[in-house]
PDB file of N, CA and C in Angstrom:
ATOM      1  N   TRP A   1     111.269 176.136 144.159  1.00  0.00           N
ATOM      2  CA  TRP A   1     111.573 176.473 142.786  1.00  0.00           C
ATOM      3  C   TRP A   1     112.091 175.246 142.075  1.00  0.00           C
ATOM      4  N   THR A   2     112.072 175.290 140.777  1.00  0.00           N
ATOM      5  CA  THR A   2     112.566 174.197 139.945  1.00  0.00           C
ATOM      6  C   THR A   2     113.573 174.765 138.957  1.00  0.00           C
ATOM      7  N   PHE A   3     114.723 174.104 138.864  1.00  0.00           N
ATOM      8  CA  PHE A   3     115.783 174.502 137.946  1.00  0.00           C
ATOM      9  C   PHE A   3     115.676 173.614 136.706  1.00  0.00           C
ATOM     10  N   ILE A   4     115.556 174.240 135.558  1.00  0.00           N
ATOM     11  CA  ILE A   4     115.478 173.505 134.294  1.00  0.00           C
ATOM     12  C   ILE A   4     116.550 174.047 133.361  1.00  0.00           C
ATOM     13  N   ALA A   5     117.319 173.136 132.775  1.00  0.00           N
ATOM     14  CA  ALA A   5     118.345 173.536 131.806  1.00  0.00           C
ATOM     15  C   ALA A   5     118.236 172.622 130.594  1.00  0.00           C
ATOM     16  N   PHE A   6     118.545 173.184 129.441  1.00  0.00           N
ATOM     17  CA  PHE A   6     118.477 172.445 128.192  1.00  0.00           C
ATOM     18  C   PHE A   6     119.663 172.859 127.343  1.00  0.00           C
ATOM     19  N   THR A   7     120.379 171.897 126.795  1.00  0.00           N
ATOM     20  CA  THR A   7     121.484 172.215 125.894  1.00  0.00           C
ATOM     21  C   THR A   7     121.263 171.523 124.551  1.00  0.00           C
ATOM     22  N   TYR A   8     121.768 172.165 123.517  1.00  0.00           N
ATOM     23  CA  TYR A   8     121.722 171.594 122.170  1.00  0.00           C
ATOM     24  C   TYR A   8     122.982 172.036 121.450  1.00  0.00           C
ATOM     25  N   ASP A   9     123.778 171.078 120.974  1.00  0.00           N
ATOM     26  CA  ASP A   9     125.055 171.405 120.339  1.00  0.00           C
ATOM     27  C   ASP A   9     125.029 171.265 118.819  1.00  0.00           C
ATOM     28  N   GLY A  10     123.860 171.193 118.252  1.00  0.00           N
ATOM     29  CA  GLY A  10     123.735 171.015 116.813  1.00  0.00           C
ATOM     30  C   GLY A  10     123.420 169.577 116.439  1.00  0.00           C
ATOM     31  N   THR A  11     123.717 168.647 117.346  1.00  0.00           N
ATOM     32  CA  THR A  11     123.440 167.232 117.129  1.00  0.00           C
ATOM     33  C   THR A  11     122.695 166.615 118.306  1.00  0.00           C
ATOM     34  N   ASN A  12     123.192 166.870 119.500  1.00  0.00           N
ATOM     35  CA  ASN A  12     122.652 166.251 120.704  1.00  0.00           C
ATOM     36  C   ASN A  12     121.930 167.260 121.576  1.00  0.00           C
ATOM     37  N   SER A  13     120.826 166.830 122.171  1.00  0.00           N
ATOM     38  CA  SER A  13     120.118 167.678 123.123  1.00  0.00           C
ATOM     39  C   SER A  13     120.076 166.965 124.472  1.00  0.00           C
ATOM     40  N   ILE A  14     120.235 167.741 125.536  1.00  0.00           N
ATOM     41  CA  ILE A  14     120.218 167.212 126.895  1.00  0.00           C
ATOM     42  C   ILE A  14     119.375 168.135 127.754  1.00  0.00           C
ATOM     43  N   GLY A  15     118.470 167.563 128.522  1.00  0.00           N
ATOM     44  CA  GLY A  15     117.651 168.337 129.442  1.00  0.00           C
ATOM     45  C   GLY A  15     117.932 167.940 130.877  1.00  0.00           C
ATOM     46  N   TYR A  16     117.968 168.912 131.768  1.00  0.00           N
ATOM     47  CA  TYR A  16     118.216 168.686 133.190  1.00  0.00           C
ATOM     48  C   TYR A  16     117.063 169.283 133.991  1.00  0.00           C
ATOM     49  N   ILE A  17     116.648 168.595 135.039  1.00  0.00           N
ATOM     50  CA  ILE A  17     115.680 169.135 135.984  1.00  0.00           C
ATOM     51  C   ILE A  17     116.297 169.024 137.367  1.00  0.00           C
ATOM     52  N   ASN A  18     116.471 170.179 138.022  1.00  0.00           N
ATOM     53  CA  ASN A  18     117.113 170.250 139.338  1.00  0.00           C
ATOM     54  C   ASN A  18     118.466 169.559 139.350  1.00  0.00           C
ATOM     55  N   ASN A  19     119.220 169.754 138.284  1.00  0.00           N
ATOM     56  CA  ASN A  19     120.577 169.246 138.116  1.00  0.00           C
ATOM     57  C   ASN A  19     120.642 167.726 138.035  1.00  0.00           C
ATOM     58  N   GLU A  20     119.510 167.077 137.918  1.00  0.00           N
ATOM     59  CA  GLU A  20     119.500 165.622 137.771  1.00  0.00           C
ATOM     60  C   GLU A  20     119.739 165.275 136.323  1.00  0.00           C
ATOM     61  N   SER A  21     120.522 164.276 136.126  1.00  0.00           N
ATOM     62  CA  SER A  21     120.912 163.933 134.801  1.00  0.00           C
ATOM     63  C   SER A  21     119.830 163.236 134.075  1.00  0.00           C
ATOM     64  N   PRO A  22     120.296 163.464 132.997  1.00  0.00           N
ATOM     65  CA  PRO A  22     119.560 164.114 131.966  1.00  0.00           C
ATOM     66  C   PRO A  22     118.642 163.226 131.183  1.00  0.00           C
ATOM     67  N   VAL A  23     117.804 163.903 130.546  1.00  0.00           N
ATOM     68  CA  VAL A  23     117.004 163.321 129.477  1.00  0.00           C
ATOM     69  C   VAL A  23     117.753 163.741 128.226  1.00  0.00           C
ATOM     70  N   SER A  24     118.124 162.799 127.384  1.00  0.00           N
ATOM     71  CA  SER A  24     118.929 163.181 126.224  1.00  0.00           C
ATOM     72  C   SER A  24     118.402 162.547 124.946  1.00  0.00           C
ATOM     73  N   ASP A  25     118.835 163.130 123.832  1.00  0.00           N
ATOM     74  CA  ASP A  25     118.469 162.637 122.513  1.00  0.00           C
ATOM     75  C   ASP A  25     119.634 162.925 121.586  1.00  0.00           C
ATOM     76  N   SER A  26     119.959 161.975 120.760  1.00  0.00           N
ATOM     77  CA  SER A  26     121.062 162.142 119.828  1.00  0.00           C
ATOM     78  C   SER A  26     120.543 162.034 118.405  1.00  0.00           C
ATOM     79  N   GLY A  27     120.964 162.972 117.577  1.00  0.00           N
ATOM     80  CA  GLY A  27     120.547 162.939 116.180  1.00  0.00           C
ATOM     81  C   GLY A  27     119.078 163.261 116.024  1.00  0.00           C
ATOM     82  N   GLY A  28     118.419 162.597 115.113  1.00  0.00           N
ATOM     83  CA  GLY A  28     116.991 162.808 114.924  1.00  0.00           C
ATOM     84  C   GLY A  28     116.706 164.033 114.084  1.00  0.00           C
ATOM     85  N   THR A  29     115.476 164.467 114.145  1.00  0.00           N
ATOM     86  CA  THR A  29     115.042 165.585 113.313  1.00  0.00           C
ATOM     87  C   THR A  29     114.650 166.786 114.156  1.00  0.00           C
ATOM     88  N   THR A  30     115.409 167.063 115.179  1.00  0.00           N
ATOM     89  CA  THR A  30     115.111 168.203 116.044  1.00  0.00           C
ATOM     90  C   THR A  30     115.215 169.492 115.250  1.00  0.00           C
ATOM     91  N   GLU A  31     114.162 170.287 115.294  1.00  0.00           N
ATOM     92  CA  GLU A  31     114.160 171.575 114.617  1.00  0.00           C
ATOM     93  C   GLU A  31     113.913 172.672 115.632  1.00  0.00           C
ATOM     94  N   PHE A  32     114.699 173.712 115.550  1.00  0.00           N
ATOM     95  CA  PHE A  32     114.558 174.829 116.465  1.00  0.00           C
ATOM     96  C   PHE A  32     114.223 176.110 115.712  1.00  0.00           C
ATOM     97  N   ASN A  33     113.361 176.011 114.729  1.00  0.00           N
ATOM     98  CA  ASN A  33     113.013 177.204 113.969  1.00  0.00           C
ATOM     99  C   ASN A  33     111.981 178.069 114.691  1.00  0.00           C
ATOM    100  N   ARG A  34     111.303 177.504 115.694  1.00  0.00           N
ATOM    101  CA  ARG A  34     110.362 178.268 116.515  1.00  0.00           C
ATOM    102  C   ARG A  34     110.568 177.863 117.962  1.00  0.00           C
ATOM    103  N   PHE A  35     111.224 178.689 118.692  1.00  0.00           N
ATOM    104  CA  PHE A  35     111.495 178.412 120.099  1.00  0.00           C
ATOM    105  C   PHE A  35     110.572 179.273 120.939  1.00  0.00           C
ATOM    106  N   ARG A  36     109.756 178.644 121.757  1.00  0.00           N
ATOM    107  CA  ARG A  36     108.788 179.373 122.578  1.00  0.00           C
ATOM    108  C   ARG A  36     109.095 179.145 124.046  1.00  0.00           C
ATOM    109  N   ILE A  37     108.976 180.188 124.817  1.00  0.00           N
ATOM    110  CA  ILE A  37     109.143 180.097 126.262  1.00  0.00           C
ATOM    111  C   ILE A  37     107.798 180.427 126.887  1.00  0.00           C
ATOM    112  N   GLY A  38     107.274 179.507 127.664  1.00  0.00           N
ATOM    113  CA  GLY A  38     106.027 179.761 128.370  1.00  0.00           C
ATOM    114  C   GLY A  38     104.767 179.318 127.661  1.00  0.00           C
ATOM    115  N   ARG A  39     104.914 178.589 126.560  1.00  0.00           N
ATOM    116  CA  ARG A  39     103.734 178.027 125.907  1.00  0.00           C
ATOM    117  C   ARG A  39     104.133 176.788 125.121  1.00  0.00           C
ATOM    118  N   ASN A  40     103.145 176.017 124.709  1.00  0.00           N
ATOM    119  CA  ASN A  40     103.448 174.760 124.035  1.00  0.00           C
ATOM    120  C   ASN A  40     103.816 174.967 122.568  1.00  0.00           C
ATOM    121  N   ARG A  41     104.159 173.900 121.930  1.00  0.00           N
ATOM    122  CA  ARG A  41     104.621 173.932 120.538  1.00  0.00           C
ATOM    123  C   ARG A  41     103.609 174.553 119.591  1.00  0.00           C
ATOM    124  N   ASN A  42     102.335 174.303 119.820  1.00  0.00           N
ATOM    125  CA  ASN A  42     101.292 174.841 118.943  1.00  0.00           C
ATOM    126  C   ASN A  42     100.915 176.273 119.278  1.00  0.00           C
ATOM    127  N   GLY A  43     101.376 176.761 120.416  1.00  0.00           N
ATOM    128  CA  GLY A  43     101.101 178.138 120.793  1.00  0.00           C
ATOM    129  C   GLY A  43      99.723 178.377 121.359  1.00  0.00           C
ATOM    130  N   ASN A  44      99.009 177.304 121.719  1.00  0.00           N
ATOM    131  CA  ASN A  44      97.648 177.499 122.207  1.00  0.00           C
ATOM    132  C   ASN A  44      97.466 177.202 123.697  1.00  0.00           C
ATOM    133  N   THR A  45      98.507 176.775 124.391  1.00  0.00           N
ATOM    134  CA  THR A  45      98.454 176.539 125.829  1.00  0.00           C
ATOM    135  C   THR A  45      99.616 177.277 126.470  1.00  0.00           C
ATOM    136  N   TYR A  46      99.317 178.077 127.478  1.00  0.00           N
ATOM    137  CA  TYR A  46     100.332 178.903 128.114  1.00  0.00           C
ATOM    138  C   TYR A  46     100.674 178.403 129.506  1.00  0.00           C
ATOM    139  N   PHE A  47     101.905 178.613 129.923  1.00  0.00           N
ATOM    140  CA  PHE A  47     102.378 178.274 131.257  1.00  0.00           C
ATOM    141  C   PHE A  47     101.748 179.219 132.265  1.00  0.00           C
ATOM    142  N   THR A  48     101.228 178.661 133.347  1.00  0.00           N
ATOM    143  CA  THR A  48     100.666 179.468 134.420  1.00  0.00           C
ATOM    144  C   THR A  48     101.662 179.452 135.562  1.00  0.00           C
ATOM    145  N   GLY A  49     102.311 180.545 135.806  1.00  0.00           N
ATOM    146  CA  GLY A  49     103.323 180.618 136.850  1.00  0.00           C
ATOM    147  C   GLY A  49     104.304 181.720 136.534  1.00  0.00           C
ATOM    148  N   ALA A  50     105.444 181.655 137.190  1.00  0.00           N
ATOM    149  CA  ALA A  50     106.483 182.663 136.982  1.00  0.00           C
ATOM    150  C   ALA A  50     107.733 182.001 136.416  1.00  0.00           C
ATOM    151  N   ILE A  51     108.386 182.685 135.511  1.00  0.00           N
ATOM    152  CA  ILE A  51     109.676 182.266 134.974  1.00  0.00           C
ATOM    153  C   ILE A  51     110.657 183.358 135.357  1.00  0.00           C
ATOM    154  N   ASP A  52     111.730 182.966 136.037  1.00  0.00           N
ATOM    155  CA  ASP A  52     112.672 183.947 136.568  1.00  0.00           C
ATOM    156  C   ASP A  52     114.092 183.545 136.202  1.00  0.00           C
ATOM    157  N   GLU A  53     114.925 184.516 135.973  1.00  0.00           N
ATOM    158  CA  GLU A  53     116.344 184.314 135.682  1.00  0.00           C
ATOM    159  C   GLU A  53     116.567 183.427 134.463  1.00  0.00           C
ATOM    160  N   LEU A  54     115.898 183.733 133.395  1.00  0.00           N
ATOM    161  CA  LEU A  54     116.055 183.030 132.130  1.00  0.00           C
ATOM    162  C   LEU A  54     117.367 183.451 131.480  1.00  0.00           C
ATOM    163  N   ARG A  55     118.115 182.470 131.000  1.00  0.00           N
ATOM    164  CA  ARG A  55     119.370 182.745 130.296  1.00  0.00           C
ATOM    165  C   ARG A  55     119.403 181.951 129.001  1.00  0.00           C
ATOM    166  N   ILE A  56     119.909 182.578 127.959  1.00  0.00           N
ATOM    167  CA  ILE A  56     120.127 181.896 126.686  1.00  0.00           C
ATOM    168  C   ILE A  56     121.575 182.149 126.286  1.00  0.00           C
ATOM    169  N   TYR A  57     122.302 181.073 126.023  1.00  0.00           N
ATOM    170  CA  TYR A  57     123.711 181.164 125.642  1.00  0.00           C
ATOM    171  C   TYR A  57     123.861 180.842 124.155  1.00  0.00           C
ATOM    172  N   ASN A  58     124.969 181.268 123.580  1.00  0.00           N
ATOM    173  CA  ASN A  58     125.208 181.000 122.159  1.00  0.00           C
ATOM    174  C   ASN A  58     126.050 179.742 121.946  1.00  0.00           C
ATOM    175  N   ARG A  59     126.112 178.892 122.960  1.00  0.00           N
ATOM    176  CA  ARG A  59     126.826 177.615 122.882  1.00  0.00           C
ATOM    177  C   ARG A  59     126.199 176.651 123.881  1.00  0.00           C
ATOM    178  N   ALA A  60     126.484 175.381 123.718  1.00  0.00           N
ATOM    179  CA  ALA A  60     125.985 174.373 124.659  1.00  0.00           C
ATOM    180  C   ALA A  60     126.860 174.377 125.907  1.00  0.00           C
ATOM    181  N   LEU A  61     126.250 174.513 127.068  1.00  0.00           N
ATOM    182  CA  LEU A  61     126.993 174.462 128.319  1.00  0.00           C
ATOM    183  C   LEU A  61     127.355 173.020 128.654  1.00  0.00           C
ATOM    184  N   THR A  62     128.457 172.851 129.387  1.00  0.00           N
ATOM    185  CA  THR A  62     128.865 171.523 129.828  1.00  0.00           C
ATOM    186  C   THR A  62     128.055 171.119 131.056  1.00  0.00           C
ATOM    187  N   ALA A  63     128.100 169.841 131.400  1.00  0.00           N
ATOM    188  CA  ALA A  63     127.413 169.356 132.602  1.00  0.00           C
ATOM    189  C   ALA A  63     127.950 170.062 133.839  1.00  0.00           C
ATOM    190  N   SER A  64     129.240 170.339 133.872  1.00  0.00           N
ATOM    191  CA  SER A  64     129.849 171.048 134.998  1.00  0.00           C
ATOM    192  C   SER A  64     129.317 172.475 135.105  1.00  0.00           C
ATOM    193  N   GLU A  65     129.162 173.144 133.987  1.00  0.00           N
ATOM    194  CA  GLU A  65     128.618 174.504 133.989  1.00  0.00           C
ATOM    195  C   GLU A  65     127.150 174.512 134.428  1.00  0.00           C
ATOM    196  N   ILE A  66     126.395 173.528 134.000  1.00  0.00           N
ATOM    197  CA  ILE A  66     124.996 173.409 134.425  1.00  0.00           C
ATOM    198  C   ILE A  66     124.939 173.218 135.937  1.00  0.00           C
ATOM    199  N   SER A  67     125.790 172.349 136.459  1.00  0.00           N
ATOM    200  CA  SER A  67     125.836 172.094 137.899  1.00  0.00           C
ATOM    201  C   SER A  67     126.191 173.351 138.675  1.00  0.00           C
ATOM    202  N   SER A  68     127.137 174.123 138.173  1.00  0.00           N
ATOM    203  CA  SER A  68     127.537 175.372 138.824  1.00  0.00           C
ATOM    204  C   SER A  68     126.386 176.373 138.853  1.00  0.00           C
ATOM    205  N   LEU A  69     125.644 176.479 137.775  1.00  0.00           N
ATOM    206  CA  LEU A  69     124.483 177.373 137.747  1.00  0.00           C
ATOM    207  C   LEU A  69     123.439 176.936 138.771  1.00  0.00           C
ATOM    208  N   TYR A  70     123.248 175.640 138.908  1.00  0.00           N
ATOM    209  CA  TYR A  70     122.252 175.110 139.844  1.00  0.00           C
ATOM    210  C   TYR A  70     122.647 175.392 141.293  1.00  0.00           C
ATOM    211  N   THR A  71     123.918 175.208 141.624  1.00  0.00           N
ATOM    212  CA  THR A  71     124.354 175.365 143.021  1.00  0.00           C
ATOM    213  C   THR A  71     124.605 176.810 143.409  1.00  0.00           C
ATOM    214  N   ASN A  72     124.767 177.688 142.444  1.00  0.00           N
ATOM    215  CA  ASN A  72     125.010 179.095 142.768  1.00  0.00           C
ATOM    216  C   ASN A  72     123.770 179.875 142.486  1.00  0.00           C
TER     217      ASN A  72
END
């Protein structure tokens, strides 16, 4: 399995894969008006596989919280 986590605090975005640190971006023109799970930005290519234990939080998790989710 692969663990993927993404946080966005209104300014900064950080992505984690298998709890490895991160791919990050600060500032910029990130827009989250259309958030899709399981397909690409244009909506014409779909993920082939299974997505399990999806969670969406109403705040950005800390690196420690991401690590805890990965190990538990």
